[in-house]
Amino acid sequence: MIAFLKGRLAHKDPTHVLIDVGGVGYFVKISLQTYSALKDTDELVKLHTLLIVREDSHTLFGFSKQEEKELFEHLISVSGIGPSIAIVMLSSLSSEEIIQAIVSEDVPTIQGVKGIGAKTAQRAIIELKDKLKKELVAGGVNPTVFASQNLTLRSEALTALVTLGIPKNAAEKNIDTILRRTGGDVSLEELIKLALR
């Protein structure tokens, strides 16, 4: 198995890259997270990789961070989430947002990813919640704080926006979009300002 590739970035596209490793070009599928992390072409890069072998294809998936690769492996272990959908998830949401949604049992966020229905979202939560909580604890993060901080932040921002005359539905949508984009790393004041734009 190919654990990682280190070489020159020959071509960069939002869905794939070509990496020249000693004169051999590797076609590697990537997420938008990895795309954003990569520098310009002709730079020396290292991607953590996972080779998926099917009857009709051998596909190499690449990740700028080991944590993203591990999350990808967790996602594809869920029945109904194949490599393509897992890449779409990692492109639609940050790794932190996916972990947070699973740990806090946020079905609408997971279901918001193209190609994932309610049953698959619930299955992902059931199968991955405990694994991801253990990893958060091992990494020194308290998963209950991780989930409850955003819920408190969300409700306080929602109250403030409704008080300011913003319709509740529009306010909820704006807040959720901002929390997804920032991974919850935003102050209440910033969240309200961004939601008012």
N, C-alpha and C. Protein backbone atom coordinates (compact mmCIF):
# COMPACT_ATOMS: atom_id res chain seq x y z
N MET A 1 0.84 -1.19 0.00
CA MET A 1 0.00 0.00 0.00
C MET A 1 0.89 1.26 0.00
N ILE A 2 0.39 2.31 -0.60
CA ILE A 2 1.15 3.57 -0.67
C ILE A 2 0.66 4.45 0.48
N ALA A 3 1.53 4.68 1.48
CA ALA A 3 1.14 5.44 2.68
C ALA A 3 1.21 6.94 2.45
N PHE A 4 2.19 7.39 1.65
CA PHE A 4 2.29 8.80 1.32
C PHE A 4 3.09 8.98 0.05
N LEU A 5 2.94 10.15 -0.55
CA LEU A 5 3.72 10.52 -1.73
C LEU A 5 4.42 11.83 -1.43
N LYS A 6 5.71 11.90 -1.79
CA LYS A 6 6.45 13.14 -1.63
C LYS A 6 7.09 13.43 -2.97
N GLY A 7 6.72 14.55 -3.56
CA GLY A 7 7.25 14.88 -4.88
C GLY A 7 6.81 16.26 -5.33
N ARG A 8 7.04 16.52 -6.62
CA ARG A 8 6.71 17.83 -7.18
C ARG A 8 5.25 17.85 -7.61
N LEU A 9 4.56 18.92 -7.25
CA LEU A 9 3.17 19.08 -7.66
C LEU A 9 3.13 19.52 -9.12
N ALA A 10 2.80 18.58 -10.01
CA ALA A 10 2.84 18.85 -11.45
C ALA A 10 1.56 19.53 -11.95
N HIS A 11 0.42 19.20 -11.32
CA HIS A 11 -0.86 19.77 -11.73
C HIS A 11 -1.78 19.79 -10.52
N LYS A 12 -2.57 20.86 -10.40
CA LYS A 12 -3.48 21.00 -9.27
C LYS A 12 -4.86 21.38 -9.77
N ASP A 13 -5.85 20.61 -9.36
CA ASP A 13 -7.24 20.82 -9.74
C ASP A 13 -8.06 20.66 -8.45
N PRO A 14 -9.24 21.29 -8.32
CA PRO A 14 -10.01 21.13 -7.08
C PRO A 14 -10.37 19.68 -6.73
N THR A 15 -10.38 18.78 -7.71
CA THR A 15 -10.76 17.39 -7.44
C THR A 15 -9.58 16.42 -7.46
N HIS A 16 -8.47 16.81 -8.08
CA HIS A 16 -7.32 15.90 -8.15
C HIS A 16 -6.01 16.66 -8.36
N VAL A 17 -4.92 15.96 -8.11
CA VAL A 17 -3.59 16.51 -8.37
C VAL A 17 -2.76 15.46 -9.09
N LEU A 18 -1.73 15.93 -9.77
CA LEU A 18 -0.72 15.03 -10.34
C LEU A 18 0.57 15.32 -9.61
N ILE A 19 1.15 14.27 -9.04
CA ILE A 19 2.40 14.44 -8.30
C ILE A 19 3.49 13.65 -9.01
N ASP A 20 4.56 14.36 -9.33
CA ASP A 20 5.72 13.76 -9.99
C ASP A 20 6.68 13.26 -8.91
N VAL A 21 6.74 11.95 -8.77
CA VAL A 21 7.65 11.33 -7.80
C VAL A 21 8.72 10.59 -8.59
N GLY A 22 9.89 11.19 -8.69
CA GLY A 22 11.01 10.57 -9.41
C GLY A 22 10.69 10.24 -10.86
N GLY A 23 9.96 11.13 -11.51
CA GLY A 23 9.65 10.92 -12.92
C GLY A 23 8.38 10.12 -13.18
N VAL A 24 7.72 9.64 -12.12
CA VAL A 24 6.45 8.91 -12.26
C VAL A 24 5.33 9.82 -11.79
N GLY A 25 4.32 10.02 -12.65
CA GLY A 25 3.20 10.90 -12.30
C GLY A 25 2.07 10.13 -11.65
N TYR A 26 1.72 10.50 -10.43
CA TYR A 26 0.62 9.86 -9.71
C TYR A 26 -0.62 10.76 -9.77
N PHE A 27 -1.74 10.16 -10.20
CA PHE A 27 -3.03 10.85 -10.23
C PHE A 27 -3.68 10.59 -8.88
N VAL A 28 -3.92 11.66 -8.11
CA VAL A 28 -4.44 11.50 -6.75
C VAL A 28 -5.71 12.34 -6.59
N LYS A 29 -6.79 11.69 -6.17
CA LYS A 29 -8.04 12.41 -5.91
C LYS A 29 -7.93 13.09 -4.54
N ILE A 30 -8.44 14.33 -4.45
CA ILE A 30 -8.33 15.11 -3.21
C ILE A 30 -9.66 15.80 -2.88
N SER A 31 -9.74 16.28 -1.64
CA SER A 31 -10.89 17.09 -1.20
C SER A 31 -10.51 18.56 -1.36
N LEU A 32 -11.50 19.43 -1.19
CA LEU A 32 -11.23 20.87 -1.25
C LEU A 32 -10.36 21.33 -0.08
N GLN A 33 -10.44 20.61 1.05
CA GLN A 33 -9.57 20.93 2.20
C GLN A 33 -8.11 20.80 1.79
N THR A 34 -7.79 19.68 1.13
CA THR A 34 -6.41 19.43 0.70
C THR A 34 -6.02 20.40 -0.41
N TYR A 35 -6.95 20.65 -1.32
CA TYR A 35 -6.69 21.60 -2.42
C TYR A 35 -6.28 22.96 -1.85
N SER A 36 -7.02 23.43 -0.84
CA SER A 36 -6.72 24.72 -0.22
C SER A 36 -5.37 24.72 0.48
N ALA A 37 -4.98 23.57 1.02
CA ALA A 37 -3.72 23.48 1.77
C ALA A 37 -2.49 23.41 0.87
N LEU A 38 -2.69 23.01 -0.40
CA LEU A 38 -1.56 22.86 -1.31
C LEU A 38 -1.11 24.21 -1.89
N LYS A 39 0.17 24.34 -2.06
CA LYS A 39 0.75 25.56 -2.65
C LYS A 39 0.62 25.48 -4.17
N ASP A 40 1.37 26.35 -4.84
CA ASP A 40 1.34 26.38 -6.31
C ASP A 40 2.03 25.16 -6.90
N THR A 41 1.80 24.96 -8.20
CA THR A 41 2.46 23.85 -8.88
C THR A 41 3.97 24.06 -8.88
N ASP A 42 4.69 22.98 -9.07
CA ASP A 42 6.15 22.91 -9.04
C ASP A 42 6.74 22.98 -7.64
N GLU A 43 5.88 23.04 -6.63
CA GLU A 43 6.36 23.01 -5.24
C GLU A 43 6.55 21.55 -4.82
N LEU A 44 7.40 21.32 -3.84
CA LEU A 44 7.57 19.99 -3.28
C LEU A 44 6.45 19.78 -2.26
N VAL A 45 5.69 18.69 -2.41
CA VAL A 45 4.56 18.43 -1.52
C VAL A 45 4.62 17.01 -0.96
N LYS A 46 3.91 16.82 0.15
CA LYS A 46 3.75 15.49 0.72
C LYS A 46 2.27 15.28 0.99
N LEU A 47 1.73 14.20 0.46
CA LEU A 47 0.32 13.86 0.69
C LEU A 47 0.25 12.48 1.35
N HIS A 48 -0.58 12.39 2.40
CA HIS A 48 -0.87 11.09 3.01
C HIS A 48 -1.89 10.44 2.08
N THR A 49 -1.68 9.19 1.73
CA THR A 49 -2.53 8.59 0.70
C THR A 49 -3.19 7.29 1.17
N LEU A 50 -4.25 6.96 0.47
CA LEU A 50 -4.95 5.70 0.69
C LEU A 50 -5.31 5.16 -0.69
N LEU A 51 -4.87 3.94 -0.96
CA LEU A 51 -5.16 3.30 -2.24
C LEU A 51 -6.40 2.43 -2.06
N ILE A 52 -7.42 2.70 -2.87
CA ILE A 52 -8.64 1.89 -2.81
C ILE A 52 -8.72 1.06 -4.08
N VAL A 53 -8.75 -0.24 -3.89
CA VAL A 53 -8.76 -1.17 -5.02
C VAL A 53 -10.17 -1.73 -5.19
N ARG A 54 -10.70 -1.55 -6.37
CA ARG A 54 -12.00 -2.12 -6.74
C ARG A 54 -11.75 -3.05 -7.92
N GLU A 55 -12.78 -3.81 -8.28
CA GLU A 55 -12.67 -4.72 -9.43
C GLU A 55 -12.19 -4.01 -10.69
N ASP A 56 -12.77 -2.82 -10.91
CA ASP A 56 -12.51 -2.11 -12.17
C ASP A 56 -11.54 -0.94 -12.04
N SER A 57 -11.03 -0.66 -10.83
CA SER A 57 -10.13 0.49 -10.71
C SER A 57 -9.25 0.44 -9.47
N HIS A 58 -8.13 1.13 -9.56
CA HIS A 58 -7.25 1.39 -8.41
C HIS A 58 -7.22 2.90 -8.29
N THR A 59 -7.76 3.43 -7.19
CA THR A 59 -7.84 4.88 -7.03
C THR A 59 -7.04 5.32 -5.82
N LEU A 60 -6.21 6.33 -6.03
CA LEU A 60 -5.38 6.87 -4.96
C LEU A 60 -6.02 8.16 -4.45
N PHE A 61 -6.27 8.22 -3.14
CA PHE A 61 -6.83 9.41 -2.51
C PHE A 61 -5.74 10.05 -1.66
N GLY A 62 -5.64 11.38 -1.74
CA GLY A 62 -4.58 12.08 -1.01
C GLY A 62 -5.11 13.12 -0.06
N PHE A 63 -4.37 13.33 1.04
CA PHE A 63 -4.80 14.24 2.10
C PHE A 63 -3.60 15.02 2.61
N SER A 64 -3.79 16.32 2.83
CA SER A 64 -2.68 17.15 3.31
C SER A 64 -2.34 16.84 4.76
N LYS A 65 -3.33 16.36 5.53
CA LYS A 65 -3.10 16.04 6.95
C LYS A 65 -3.47 14.60 7.24
N GLN A 66 -2.73 13.99 8.14
CA GLN A 66 -3.01 12.61 8.56
C GLN A 66 -4.40 12.50 9.18
N GLU A 67 -4.83 13.55 9.92
CA GLU A 67 -6.15 13.53 10.58
C GLU A 67 -7.27 13.46 9.54
N GLU A 68 -7.10 14.16 8.42
CA GLU A 68 -8.12 14.13 7.37
C GLU A 68 -8.20 12.72 6.77
N LYS A 69 -7.04 12.10 6.58
CA LYS A 69 -7.00 10.73 6.04
C LYS A 69 -7.72 9.77 6.99
N GLU A 70 -7.46 9.91 8.30
CA GLU A 70 -8.10 9.04 9.29
C GLU A 70 -9.61 9.22 9.31
N LEU A 71 -10.07 10.48 9.19
CA LEU A 71 -11.50 10.75 9.15
C LEU A 71 -12.12 10.13 7.90
N PHE A 72 -11.42 10.24 6.77
CA PHE A 72 -11.86 9.63 5.51
C PHE A 72 -12.04 8.11 5.70
N GLU A 73 -11.07 7.48 6.36
CA GLU A 73 -11.15 6.03 6.60
C GLU A 73 -12.34 5.70 7.49
N HIS A 74 -12.61 6.54 8.50
CA HIS A 74 -13.79 6.32 9.35
C HIS A 74 -15.06 6.43 8.51
N LEU A 75 -15.14 7.47 7.69
CA LEU A 75 -16.35 7.71 6.90
C LEU A 75 -16.64 6.56 5.94
N ILE A 76 -15.60 6.06 5.24
CA ILE A 76 -15.86 4.99 4.27
C ILE A 76 -16.15 3.64 4.94
N SER A 77 -15.94 3.57 6.27
CA SER A 77 -16.29 2.33 6.98
C SER A 77 -17.80 2.25 7.22
N VAL A 78 -18.49 3.37 7.03
CA VAL A 78 -19.95 3.41 7.23
C VAL A 78 -20.64 2.91 5.96
N SER A 79 -21.56 1.97 6.12
CA SER A 79 -22.31 1.44 4.99
C SER A 79 -23.12 2.58 4.36
N GLY A 80 -22.98 2.76 3.06
CA GLY A 80 -23.70 3.83 2.36
C GLY A 80 -22.83 5.03 2.06
N ILE A 81 -21.64 5.08 2.67
CA ILE A 81 -20.69 6.17 2.36
C ILE A 81 -19.48 5.56 1.68
N GLY A 82 -19.40 5.78 0.37
CA GLY A 82 -18.25 5.31 -0.39
C GLY A 82 -17.19 6.39 -0.45
N PRO A 83 -16.07 6.09 -1.10
CA PRO A 83 -14.98 7.07 -1.20
C PRO A 83 -15.41 8.40 -1.83
N SER A 84 -16.24 8.33 -2.87
CA SER A 84 -16.67 9.57 -3.55
C SER A 84 -17.49 10.46 -2.63
N ILE A 85 -18.43 9.86 -1.90
CA ILE A 85 -19.26 10.65 -0.98
C ILE A 85 -18.41 11.17 0.18
N ALA A 86 -17.45 10.36 0.65
CA ALA A 86 -16.58 10.81 1.74
C ALA A 86 -15.76 12.03 1.30
N ILE A 87 -15.30 12.02 0.05
CA ILE A 87 -14.54 13.18 -0.48
C ILE A 87 -15.46 14.40 -0.59
N VAL A 88 -16.72 14.19 -0.99
CA VAL A 88 -17.69 15.29 -1.06
C VAL A 88 -17.91 15.86 0.34
N MET A 89 -18.01 14.97 1.35
CA MET A 89 -18.18 15.44 2.73
C MET A 89 -17.00 16.29 3.17
N LEU A 90 -15.78 15.80 2.87
CA LEU A 90 -14.57 16.53 3.28
C LEU A 90 -14.39 17.81 2.47
N SER A 91 -15.09 17.92 1.35
CA SER A 91 -15.04 19.14 0.54
C SER A 91 -16.11 20.13 0.99
N SER A 92 -17.25 19.60 1.47
CA SER A 92 -18.36 20.45 1.88
C SER A 92 -18.17 21.02 3.28
N LEU A 93 -17.60 20.22 4.16
CA LEU A 93 -17.41 20.61 5.56
C LEU A 93 -15.95 20.39 5.94
N SER A 94 -15.49 21.14 6.93
CA SER A 94 -14.13 20.90 7.42
C SER A 94 -14.15 19.62 8.26
N SER A 95 -12.99 19.05 8.50
CA SER A 95 -12.91 17.84 9.35
C SER A 95 -13.53 18.10 10.71
N GLU A 96 -13.25 19.29 11.27
CA GLU A 96 -13.78 19.64 12.59
C GLU A 96 -15.31 19.69 12.56
N GLU A 97 -15.87 20.24 11.48
CA GLU A 97 -17.33 20.34 11.37
C GLU A 97 -17.97 18.95 11.29
N ILE A 98 -17.33 18.05 10.54
CA ILE A 98 -17.85 16.68 10.40
C ILE A 98 -17.82 15.99 11.76
N ILE A 99 -16.68 16.08 12.44
CA ILE A 99 -16.54 15.44 13.76
C ILE A 99 -17.56 16.03 14.73
N GLN A 100 -17.69 17.34 14.73
CA GLN A 100 -18.63 18.01 15.63
C GLN A 100 -20.06 17.57 15.33
N ALA A 101 -20.42 17.50 14.05
CA ALA A 101 -21.78 17.09 13.67
C ALA A 101 -22.07 15.66 14.12
N ILE A 102 -21.08 14.78 13.99
CA ILE A 102 -21.29 13.38 14.39
C ILE A 102 -21.36 13.26 15.91
N VAL A 103 -20.43 13.89 16.61
CA VAL A 103 -20.39 13.81 18.07
C VAL A 103 -21.63 14.44 18.70
N SER A 104 -22.12 15.55 18.13
CA SER A 104 -23.30 16.22 18.70
C SER A 104 -24.61 15.74 18.06
N GLU A 105 -24.52 14.66 17.26
CA GLU A 105 -25.69 14.04 16.61
C GLU A 105 -26.50 15.04 15.79
N ASP A 106 -25.81 15.84 15.02
CA ASP A 106 -26.43 16.88 14.19
C ASP A 106 -26.75 16.31 12.80
N VAL A 107 -27.89 15.60 12.71
CA VAL A 107 -28.28 14.94 11.46
C VAL A 107 -28.44 15.94 10.31
N PRO A 108 -29.11 17.12 10.52
CA PRO A 108 -29.29 18.05 9.40
C PRO A 108 -27.98 18.49 8.74
N THR A 109 -26.93 18.70 9.53
CA THR A 109 -25.65 19.12 8.95
C THR A 109 -25.07 18.03 8.06
N ILE A 110 -25.09 16.79 8.56
CA ILE A 110 -24.54 15.67 7.78
C ILE A 110 -25.41 15.43 6.55
N GLN A 111 -26.72 15.52 6.73
CA GLN A 111 -27.65 15.30 5.63
C GLN A 111 -27.56 16.42 4.58
N GLY A 112 -27.02 17.56 4.98
CA GLY A 112 -26.86 18.68 4.05
C GLY A 112 -25.81 18.43 2.98
N VAL A 113 -25.02 17.38 3.16
CA VAL A 113 -23.98 17.03 2.17
C VAL A 113 -24.65 16.29 1.02
N LYS A 114 -24.31 16.70 -0.19
CA LYS A 114 -24.89 16.09 -1.39
C LYS A 114 -24.61 14.58 -1.41
N GLY A 115 -25.66 13.80 -1.59
CA GLY A 115 -25.50 12.34 -1.68
C GLY A 115 -25.75 11.61 -0.38
N ILE A 116 -26.05 12.36 0.70
CA ILE A 116 -26.30 11.71 1.99
C ILE A 116 -27.74 11.94 2.42
N GLY A 117 -28.44 10.84 2.63
CA GLY A 117 -29.82 10.90 3.08
C GLY A 117 -29.90 10.79 4.59
N ALA A 118 -31.11 10.85 5.11
CA ALA A 118 -31.32 10.81 6.57
C ALA A 118 -30.81 9.50 7.18
N LYS A 119 -31.09 8.38 6.52
CA LYS A 119 -30.67 7.07 7.07
C LYS A 119 -29.16 6.95 7.13
N THR A 120 -28.49 7.40 6.06
CA THR A 120 -27.02 7.33 6.03
C THR A 120 -26.43 8.25 7.09
N ALA A 121 -27.01 9.44 7.25
CA ALA A 121 -26.53 10.39 8.27
C ALA A 121 -26.66 9.78 9.66
N GLN A 122 -27.81 9.14 9.93
CA GLN A 122 -28.03 8.52 11.24
C GLN A 122 -27.08 7.34 11.44
N ARG A 123 -26.84 6.58 10.38
CA ARG A 123 -25.93 5.44 10.46
C ARG A 123 -24.51 5.91 10.78
N ALA A 124 -24.10 7.01 10.13
CA ALA A 124 -22.77 7.57 10.38
C ALA A 124 -22.63 7.97 11.85
N ILE A 125 -23.67 8.58 12.39
CA ILE A 125 -23.64 8.99 13.81
C ILE A 125 -23.55 7.77 14.72
N ILE A 126 -24.40 6.78 14.46
CA ILE A 126 -24.43 5.58 15.30
C ILE A 126 -23.08 4.85 15.27
N GLU A 127 -22.51 4.71 14.07
CA GLU A 127 -21.28 3.93 13.92
C GLU A 127 -20.02 4.69 14.32
N LEU A 128 -20.01 6.03 14.19
CA LEU A 128 -18.76 6.77 14.41
C LEU A 128 -18.72 7.62 15.68
N LYS A 129 -19.86 7.88 16.28
CA LYS A 129 -19.91 8.79 17.43
C LYS A 129 -18.92 8.38 18.53
N ASP A 130 -18.99 7.12 18.97
CA ASP A 130 -18.13 6.66 20.06
C ASP A 130 -16.66 6.67 19.67
N LYS A 131 -16.35 6.23 18.45
CA LYS A 131 -14.95 6.22 17.98
C LYS A 131 -14.38 7.63 18.00
N LEU A 132 -15.14 8.58 17.45
CA LEU A 132 -14.65 9.95 17.36
C LEU A 132 -14.55 10.60 18.74
N LYS A 133 -15.48 10.27 19.64
CA LYS A 133 -15.40 10.80 21.01
C LYS A 133 -14.12 10.32 21.68
N LYS A 134 -13.80 9.02 21.51
CA LYS A 134 -12.57 8.46 22.09
C LYS A 134 -11.35 9.20 21.55
N GLU A 135 -11.34 9.47 20.24
CA GLU A 135 -10.21 10.17 19.63
C GLU A 135 -10.09 11.60 20.15
N LEU A 136 -11.24 12.26 20.36
CA LEU A 136 -11.22 13.62 20.91
C LEU A 136 -10.64 13.62 22.32
N VAL A 137 -11.08 12.65 23.13
CA VAL A 137 -10.59 12.54 24.50
C VAL A 137 -9.09 12.26 24.48
N ALA A 138 -8.66 11.34 23.61
CA ALA A 138 -7.23 11.01 23.49
C ALA A 138 -6.42 12.24 23.05
N GLY A 139 -7.06 13.11 22.25
CA GLY A 139 -6.39 14.33 21.79
C GLY A 139 -6.49 15.48 22.79
N GLY A 140 -7.12 15.21 23.95
CA GLY A 140 -7.20 16.23 24.99
C GLY A 140 -8.38 17.17 24.85
N VAL A 141 -9.38 16.81 24.03
CA VAL A 141 -10.56 17.66 23.85
C VAL A 141 -11.75 17.01 24.55
N ASN A 142 -12.50 17.79 25.30
CA ASN A 142 -13.70 17.27 25.96
C ASN A 142 -14.85 17.34 24.95
N PRO A 143 -15.35 16.17 24.47
CA PRO A 143 -16.39 16.18 23.43
C PRO A 143 -17.69 16.85 23.84
N THR A 144 -18.05 16.81 25.15
CA THR A 144 -19.29 17.47 25.55
C THR A 144 -19.15 18.97 25.48
N VAL A 145 -17.97 19.48 25.82
CA VAL A 145 -17.71 20.92 25.70
C VAL A 145 -17.70 21.30 24.23
N PHE A 146 -17.05 20.44 23.42
CA PHE A 146 -16.94 20.64 21.98
C PHE A 146 -18.32 20.85 21.36
N ALA A 147 -19.28 20.02 21.76
CA ALA A 147 -20.63 20.11 21.18
C ALA A 147 -21.46 21.22 21.83
N SER A 148 -21.40 21.33 23.16
CA SER A 148 -22.28 22.27 23.84
C SER A 148 -21.89 23.73 23.63
N GLN A 149 -20.59 24.02 23.43
CA GLN A 149 -20.16 25.40 23.19
C GLN A 149 -20.89 25.99 22.00
N ASN A 150 -20.94 25.24 20.90
CA ASN A 150 -21.59 25.75 19.70
C ASN A 150 -23.10 25.87 19.88
N LEU A 151 -23.71 24.95 20.63
CA LEU A 151 -25.16 25.04 20.84
C LEU A 151 -25.49 26.29 21.64
N THR A 152 -24.69 26.60 22.67
CA THR A 152 -24.90 27.80 23.48
C THR A 152 -24.69 29.04 22.62
N LEU A 153 -23.59 29.06 21.89
CA LEU A 153 -23.26 30.17 21.00
C LEU A 153 -24.39 30.40 19.99
N ARG A 154 -24.88 29.30 19.40
CA ARG A 154 -25.94 29.36 18.40
C ARG A 154 -27.21 29.95 19.00
N SER A 155 -27.61 29.46 20.18
CA SER A 155 -28.88 29.94 20.76
C SER A 155 -28.78 31.41 21.18
N GLU A 156 -27.62 31.82 21.71
CA GLU A 156 -27.45 33.22 22.11
C GLU A 156 -27.48 34.15 20.89
N ALA A 157 -26.82 33.73 19.82
CA ALA A 157 -26.80 34.54 18.59
C ALA A 157 -28.20 34.61 17.99
N LEU A 158 -28.92 33.49 18.02
CA LEU A 158 -30.28 33.44 17.46
C LEU A 158 -31.20 34.39 18.23
N THR A 159 -31.12 34.37 19.55
CA THR A 159 -31.93 35.26 20.39
C THR A 159 -31.64 36.73 20.03
N ALA A 160 -30.35 37.05 19.90
CA ALA A 160 -29.96 38.43 19.58
C ALA A 160 -30.49 38.86 18.21
N LEU A 161 -30.37 37.99 17.22
CA LEU A 161 -30.81 38.33 15.86
C LEU A 161 -32.32 38.49 15.77
N VAL A 162 -33.06 37.61 16.45
CA VAL A 162 -34.52 37.71 16.45
C VAL A 162 -34.95 39.01 17.14
N THR A 163 -34.25 39.37 18.22
CA THR A 163 -34.52 40.62 18.94
C THR A 163 -34.28 41.83 18.02
N LEU A 164 -33.29 41.69 17.14
CA LEU A 164 -32.98 42.77 16.19
C LEU A 164 -33.94 42.81 14.99
N GLY A 165 -34.91 41.88 14.98
CA GLY A 165 -35.94 41.91 13.94
C GLY A 165 -35.67 41.01 12.74
N ILE A 166 -34.66 40.14 12.83
CA ILE A 166 -34.36 39.20 11.73
C ILE A 166 -35.30 38.01 11.87
N PRO A 167 -35.97 37.58 10.77
CA PRO A 167 -36.84 36.40 10.87
C PRO A 167 -36.06 35.18 11.36
N LYS A 168 -36.69 34.38 12.23
CA LYS A 168 -36.01 33.25 12.88
C LYS A 168 -35.39 32.29 11.87
N ASN A 169 -36.13 31.93 10.81
CA ASN A 169 -35.61 30.98 9.81
C ASN A 169 -34.35 31.50 9.14
N ALA A 170 -34.37 32.76 8.73
CA ALA A 170 -33.21 33.37 8.07
C ALA A 170 -32.03 33.44 9.02
N ALA A 171 -32.31 33.80 10.27
CA ALA A 171 -31.25 33.90 11.29
C ALA A 171 -30.60 32.54 11.52
N GLU A 172 -31.43 31.49 11.67
CA GLU A 172 -30.90 30.13 11.89
C GLU A 172 -30.00 29.70 10.74
N LYS A 173 -30.48 29.97 9.53
CA LYS A 173 -29.72 29.57 8.33
C LYS A 173 -28.36 30.27 8.30
N ASN A 174 -28.35 31.59 8.54
CA ASN A 174 -27.11 32.36 8.54
C ASN A 174 -26.15 31.88 9.63
N ILE A 175 -26.66 31.67 10.82
CA ILE A 175 -25.83 31.23 11.95
C ILE A 175 -25.20 29.87 11.65
N ASP A 176 -26.02 28.93 11.17
CA ASP A 176 -25.50 27.58 10.88
C ASP A 176 -24.43 27.62 9.79
N THR A 177 -24.64 28.45 8.77
CA THR A 177 -23.65 28.59 7.70
C THR A 177 -22.33 29.11 8.26
N ILE A 178 -22.40 30.12 9.10
CA ILE A 178 -21.19 30.72 9.67
C ILE A 178 -20.48 29.74 10.60
N LEU A 179 -21.25 29.03 11.44
CA LEU A 179 -20.65 28.05 12.36
C LEU A 179 -19.97 26.93 11.58
N ARG A 180 -20.58 26.50 10.47
CA ARG A 180 -19.94 25.46 9.63
C ARG A 180 -18.65 25.99 9.05
N ARG A 181 -18.70 27.21 8.52
CA ARG A 181 -17.53 27.80 7.85
C ARG A 181 -16.38 28.02 8.83
N THR A 182 -16.70 28.45 10.04
CA THR A 182 -15.65 28.77 11.02
C THR A 182 -15.31 27.59 11.91
N GLY A 183 -16.08 26.52 11.84
CA GLY A 183 -15.85 25.38 12.72
C GLY A 183 -16.16 25.71 14.17
N GLY A 184 -16.97 26.75 14.37
CA GLY A 184 -17.35 27.16 15.72
C GLY A 184 -16.32 28.04 16.40
N ASP A 185 -15.23 28.34 15.70
CA ASP A 185 -14.17 29.16 16.27
C ASP A 185 -14.46 30.63 15.98
N VAL A 186 -15.50 31.15 16.65
CA VAL A 186 -15.94 32.52 16.42
C VAL A 186 -16.57 33.04 17.72
N SER A 187 -16.39 34.32 18.02
CA SER A 187 -16.99 34.88 19.23
C SER A 187 -18.46 35.19 18.94
N LEU A 188 -19.23 35.38 19.99
CA LEU A 188 -20.65 35.70 19.84
C LEU A 188 -20.82 37.00 19.05
N GLU A 189 -20.00 37.99 19.38
CA GLU A 189 -20.06 39.28 18.70
C GLU A 189 -19.78 39.14 17.20
N GLU A 190 -18.72 38.39 16.87
CA GLU A 190 -18.37 38.18 15.45
C GLU A 190 -19.49 37.44 14.73
N LEU A 191 -20.04 36.41 15.40
CA LEU A 191 -21.11 35.60 14.82
C LEU A 191 -22.31 36.47 14.48
N ILE A 192 -22.70 37.35 15.37
CA ILE A 192 -23.85 38.22 15.15
C ILE A 192 -23.54 39.20 14.00
N LYS A 193 -22.35 39.78 14.01
CA LYS A 193 -21.97 40.71 12.93
C LYS A 193 -22.01 40.03 11.57
N LEU A 194 -21.43 38.82 11.49
CA LEU A 194 -21.40 38.08 10.22
C LEU A 194 -22.81 37.70 9.76
N ALA A 195 -23.66 37.32 10.71
CA ALA A 195 -25.03 36.93 10.38
C ALA A 195 -25.86 38.11 9.90
N LEU A 196 -25.50 39.33 10.30
CA LEU A 196 -26.25 40.52 9.89
C LEU A 196 -25.86 40.99 8.48
N ARG A 197 -24.79 40.46 7.93
CA ARG A 197 -24.35 40.90 6.60
C ARG A 197 -25.25 40.37 5.53
